[in-house]
């Protein structure tokens, strides 16, 4: 079964119901919920997701409900010192994206799902936008 890392922006799009992005992101999340794929979120993403959702919604309760919802569906991919050090050596433009990438690689995940494919141009594993992922994996 394919193992997929859901990038921070995918989860935030779902939790904030961002009209232009949420439908495809939610459809991908449903694949994990229905156990058609193994979905993961990096441990590093959870704090960012909480912060962004709380700030946008102005509600701790909404932010925590969102975290609970995600944790009910996705597994948490570990982040450790080895991953952080590998991300530092990658020399990517965005350290956070490098951490996400190294998290996927070191946790033996098959691909990354993100709205910003170009941010992962250096990735050696496949990176998909939700609509592209769905077109490939729902055939």
C-alpha atoms as a PDB file:
ATOM      1  CA  UNK A   1       0.000   0.000   0.000  1.00  0.00           C
ATOM      2  CA  UNK A   2       1.297   3.442  -0.894  1.00  0.00           C
ATOM      3  CA  UNK A   3       2.463   5.622   2.011  1.00  0.00           C
ATOM      4  CA  UNK A   4       1.859   9.348   1.539  1.00  0.00           C
ATOM      5  CA  UNK A   5       3.111  12.352   3.504  1.00  0.00           C
ATOM      6  CA  UNK A   6       0.472  15.089   3.641  1.00  0.00           C
ATOM      7  CA  UNK A   7       2.253  18.453   3.624  1.00  0.00           C
ATOM      8  CA  UNK A   8       1.152  21.169   6.037  1.00  0.00           C
ATOM      9  CA  UNK A   9      -0.634  23.195   3.365  1.00  0.00           C
ATOM     10  CA  UNK A  10      -2.867  20.251   2.414  1.00  0.00           C
ATOM     11  CA  UNK A  11      -4.103  19.823   5.984  1.00  0.00           C
ATOM     12  CA  UNK A  12      -4.590  23.569   6.462  1.00  0.00           C
ATOM     13  CA  UNK A  13      -6.584  23.758   3.217  1.00  0.00           C
ATOM     14  CA  UNK A  14      -8.912  21.055   4.548  1.00  0.00           C
ATOM     15  CA  UNK A  15      -9.305  22.444   8.058  1.00  0.00           C
ATOM     16  CA  UNK A  16      -9.903  26.003   6.861  1.00  0.00           C
ATOM     17  CA  UNK A  17     -12.128  24.800   3.994  1.00  0.00           C
ATOM     18  CA  UNK A  18     -10.229  26.874   1.446  1.00  0.00           C
ATOM     19  CA  UNK A  19     -12.651  26.777  -1.478  1.00  0.00           C
ATOM     20  CA  UNK A  20     -10.195  26.498  -4.327  1.00  0.00           C
ATOM     21  CA  UNK A  21      -7.981  23.862  -2.666  1.00  0.00           C
ATOM     22  CA  UNK A  22     -10.048  21.915  -0.127  1.00  0.00           C
ATOM     23  CA  UNK A  23     -12.086  19.611  -2.407  1.00  0.00           C
ATOM     24  CA  UNK A  24      -9.077  17.805  -3.906  1.00  0.00           C
ATOM     25  CA  UNK A  25      -7.179  17.818  -0.609  1.00  0.00           C
ATOM     26  CA  UNK A  26     -10.184  16.347   1.203  1.00  0.00           C
ATOM     27  CA  UNK A  27     -10.657  13.694  -1.486  1.00  0.00           C
ATOM     28  CA  UNK A  28      -7.024  12.630  -0.965  1.00  0.00           C
ATOM     29  CA  UNK A  29      -7.522  12.557   2.804  1.00  0.00           C
ATOM     30  CA  UNK A  30     -10.600  10.358   2.311  1.00  0.00           C
ATOM     31  CA  UNK A  31      -8.346   7.777   0.623  1.00  0.00           C
ATOM     32  CA  UNK A  32      -6.406   7.551   3.881  1.00  0.00           C
ATOM     33  CA  UNK A  33      -9.568   7.542   5.972  1.00  0.00           C
ATOM     34  CA  UNK A  34     -10.934   4.668   3.875  1.00  0.00           C
ATOM     35  CA  UNK A  35      -7.599   2.843   4.217  1.00  0.00           C
ATOM     36  CA  UNK A  36      -6.857   2.869   0.490  1.00  0.00           C
ATOM     37  CA  UNK A  37      -3.541   4.568   1.209  1.00  0.00           C
ATOM     38  CA  UNK A  38      -1.487   5.000   4.378  1.00  0.00           C
ATOM     39  CA  UNK A  39      -1.494   8.686   5.157  1.00  0.00           C
ATOM     40  CA  UNK A  40       1.074  10.465   7.323  1.00  0.00           C
ATOM     41  CA  UNK A  41       1.613  13.938   8.701  1.00  0.00           C
ATOM     42  CA  UNK A  42       5.027  14.951   9.985  1.00  0.00           C
ATOM     43  CA  UNK A  43       5.355  15.655  13.682  1.00  0.00           C
ATOM     44  CA  UNK A  44       6.768  19.047  12.718  1.00  0.00           C
ATOM     45  CA  UNK A  45       3.600  19.956  10.816  1.00  0.00           C
ATOM     46  CA  UNK A  46       1.243  19.545  13.736  1.00  0.00           C
ATOM     47  CA  UNK A  47       2.381  22.656  15.607  1.00  0.00           C
ATOM     48  CA  UNK A  48       2.283  24.700  12.397  1.00  0.00           C
ATOM     49  CA  UNK A  49      -1.198  23.418  11.545  1.00  0.00           C
ATOM     50  CA  UNK A  50      -2.445  24.284  15.030  1.00  0.00           C
ATOM     51  CA  UNK A  51      -0.939  27.771  14.874  1.00  0.00           C
ATOM     52  CA  UNK A  52      -2.309  28.582  11.400  1.00  0.00           C
ATOM     53  CA  UNK A  53      -5.804  27.250  12.092  1.00  0.00           C
ATOM     54  CA  UNK A  54      -6.010  28.945  15.500  1.00  0.00           C
ATOM     55  CA  UNK A  55      -4.876  32.258  14.034  1.00  0.00           C
ATOM     56  CA  UNK A  56      -7.288  32.065  11.090  1.00  0.00           C
ATOM     57  CA  UNK A  57     -10.272  30.872  13.120  1.00  0.00           C
ATOM     58  CA  UNK A  58      -9.417  32.830  16.291  1.00  0.00           C
ATOM     59  CA  UNK A  59     -10.385  29.688  18.202  1.00  0.00           C
ATOM     60  CA  UNK A  60      -8.279  27.260  20.216  1.00  0.00           C
ATOM     61  CA  UNK A  61     -11.202  24.837  20.196  1.00  0.00           C
ATOM     62  CA  UNK A  62     -11.449  24.801  16.407  1.00  0.00           C
ATOM     63  CA  UNK A  63      -7.682  24.352  16.095  1.00  0.00           C
ATOM     64  CA  UNK A  64      -7.625  21.424  18.538  1.00  0.00           C
ATOM     65  CA  UNK A  65     -10.653  19.776  16.921  1.00  0.00           C
ATOM     66  CA  UNK A  66      -8.778  20.005  13.632  1.00  0.00           C
ATOM     67  CA  UNK A  67      -5.718  18.348  15.144  1.00  0.00           C
ATOM     68  CA  UNK A  68      -7.900  15.597  16.626  1.00  0.00           C
ATOM     69  CA  UNK A  69      -9.589  15.054  13.262  1.00  0.00           C
ATOM     70  CA  UNK A  70      -6.257  14.705  11.477  1.00  0.00           C
ATOM     71  CA  UNK A  71      -4.834  12.399  14.145  1.00  0.00           C
ATOM     72  CA  UNK A  72      -7.867  10.131  13.778  1.00  0.00           C
ATOM     73  CA  UNK A  73      -6.997   9.600  10.114  1.00  0.00           C
ATOM     74  CA  UNK A  74      -3.266  10.068   9.619  1.00  0.00           C
ATOM     75  CA  UNK A  75      -0.259   8.480  11.258  1.00  0.00           C
ATOM     76  CA  UNK A  76       2.450  10.759  12.662  1.00  0.00           C
ATOM     77  CA  UNK A  77       5.813  10.494  10.908  1.00  0.00           C
ATOM     78  CA  UNK A  78       8.648  11.023  13.349  1.00  0.00           C
ATOM     79  CA  UNK A  79      11.110  13.861  13.184  1.00  0.00           C
ATOM     80  CA  UNK A  80      14.438  13.381  14.936  1.00  0.00           C
ATOM     81  CA  UNK A  81      17.915  14.872  15.004  1.00  0.00           C
ATOM     82  CA  UNK A  82      19.057  12.764  12.044  1.00  0.00           C
ATOM     83  CA  UNK A  83      16.222  14.160   9.913  1.00  0.00           C
ATOM     84  CA  UNK A  84      16.959  17.751  10.948  1.00  0.00           C
ATOM     85  CA  UNK A  85      20.671  17.354  10.212  1.00  0.00           C
ATOM     86  CA  UNK A  86      19.938  15.812   6.824  1.00  0.00           C
ATOM     87  CA  UNK A  87      17.606  18.709   6.047  1.00  0.00           C
ATOM     88  CA  UNK A  88      20.360  21.193   6.933  1.00  0.00           C
ATOM     89  CA  UNK A  89      22.729  19.470   4.510  1.00  0.00           C
ATOM     90  CA  UNK A  90      20.172  19.504   1.693  1.00  0.00           C
ATOM     91  CA  UNK A  91      20.657  23.248   1.263  1.00  0.00           C
ATOM     92  CA  UNK A  92      17.113  23.803  -0.037  1.00  0.00           C
ATOM     93  CA  UNK A  93      15.668  27.309  -0.239  1.00  0.00           C
ATOM     94  CA  UNK A  94      13.078  26.451   2.418  1.00  0.00           C
ATOM     95  CA  UNK A  95      14.277  24.579   5.496  1.00  0.00           C
ATOM     96  CA  UNK A  96      10.725  23.515   6.398  1.00  0.00           C
ATOM     97  CA  UNK A  97      10.248  21.877   2.984  1.00  0.00           C
ATOM     98  CA  UNK A  98      13.579  20.120   3.381  1.00  0.00           C
ATOM     99  CA  UNK A  99      12.473  18.774   6.759  1.00  0.00           C
ATOM    100  CA  UNK A 100       9.242  17.499   5.194  1.00  0.00           C
ATOM    101  CA  UNK A 101      11.226  15.813   2.433  1.00  0.00           C
ATOM    102  CA  UNK A 102      13.729  14.190   4.802  1.00  0.00           C
ATOM    103  CA  UNK A 103      10.871  13.113   7.046  1.00  0.00           C
ATOM    104  CA  UNK A 104       9.258  11.321   4.104  1.00  0.00           C
ATOM    105  CA  UNK A 105      12.526   9.706   3.022  1.00  0.00           C
ATOM    106  CA  UNK A 106      13.672   8.594   6.487  1.00  0.00           C
ATOM    107  CA  UNK A 107      10.196   7.242   7.346  1.00  0.00           C
ATOM    108  CA  UNK A 108      10.193   5.252   4.064  1.00  0.00           C
ATOM    109  CA  UNK A 109       7.175   7.048   2.600  1.00  0.00           C
ATOM    110  CA  UNK A 110       6.562   6.770  -1.112  1.00  0.00           C
ATOM    111  CA  UNK A 111       5.529  10.316  -2.007  1.00  0.00           C
ATOM    112  CA  UNK A 112       4.628  13.783  -0.768  1.00  0.00           C
ATOM    113  CA  UNK A 113       1.272  15.453  -1.304  1.00  0.00           C
ATOM    114  CA  UNK A 114       1.542  19.248  -1.420  1.00  0.00           C
ATOM    115  CA  UNK A 115      -0.049  22.232  -3.071  1.00  0.00           C
ATOM    116  CA  UNK A 116       3.420  23.615  -3.827  1.00  0.00           C
ATOM    117  CA  UNK A 117       5.121  21.009  -6.005  1.00  0.00           C
ATOM    118  CA  UNK A 118       7.784  23.492  -7.124  1.00  0.00           C
ATOM    119  CA  UNK A 119       9.000  23.803  -3.518  1.00  0.00           C
ATOM    120  CA  UNK A 120      10.086  20.163  -3.734  1.00  0.00           C
ATOM    121  CA  UNK A 121      11.885  20.380  -7.077  1.00  0.00           C
ATOM    122  CA  UNK A 122      14.964  18.693  -5.571  1.00  0.00           C
ATOM    123  CA  UNK A 123      12.970  15.735  -4.254  1.00  0.00           C
ATOM    124  CA  UNK A 124      14.098  12.264  -5.239  1.00  0.00           C
ATOM    125  CA  UNK A 125      10.666  10.824  -4.416  1.00  0.00           C
ATOM    126  CA  UNK A 126       7.469  11.731  -6.282  1.00  0.00           C
ATOM    127  CA  UNK A 127       5.684  14.914  -5.249  1.00  0.00           C
ATOM    128  CA  UNK A 128       2.062  15.469  -6.240  1.00  0.00           C
ATOM    129  CA  UNK A 129      -0.555  18.170  -6.057  1.00  0.00           C
ATOM    130  CA  UNK A 130      -3.815  16.640  -4.794  1.00  0.00           C
ATOM    131  CA  UNK A 131      -5.586  16.706  -8.162  1.00  0.00           C
ATOM    132  CA  UNK A 132      -2.649  14.966  -9.868  1.00  0.00           C
ATOM    133  CA  UNK A 133      -2.419  12.410  -7.069  1.00  0.00           C
ATOM    134  CA  UNK A 134      -6.135  11.664  -7.362  1.00  0.00           C
ATOM    135  CA  UNK A 135      -5.957  11.222 -11.131  1.00  0.00           C
ATOM    136  CA  UNK A 136      -3.164   8.676 -10.716  1.00  0.00           C
ATOM    137  CA  UNK A 137      -4.302   6.779  -7.634  1.00  0.00           C
ATOM    138  CA  UNK A 138      -8.058   6.602  -8.103  1.00  0.00           C
ATOM    139  CA  UNK A 139      -8.018   4.847 -11.477  1.00  0.00           C
END
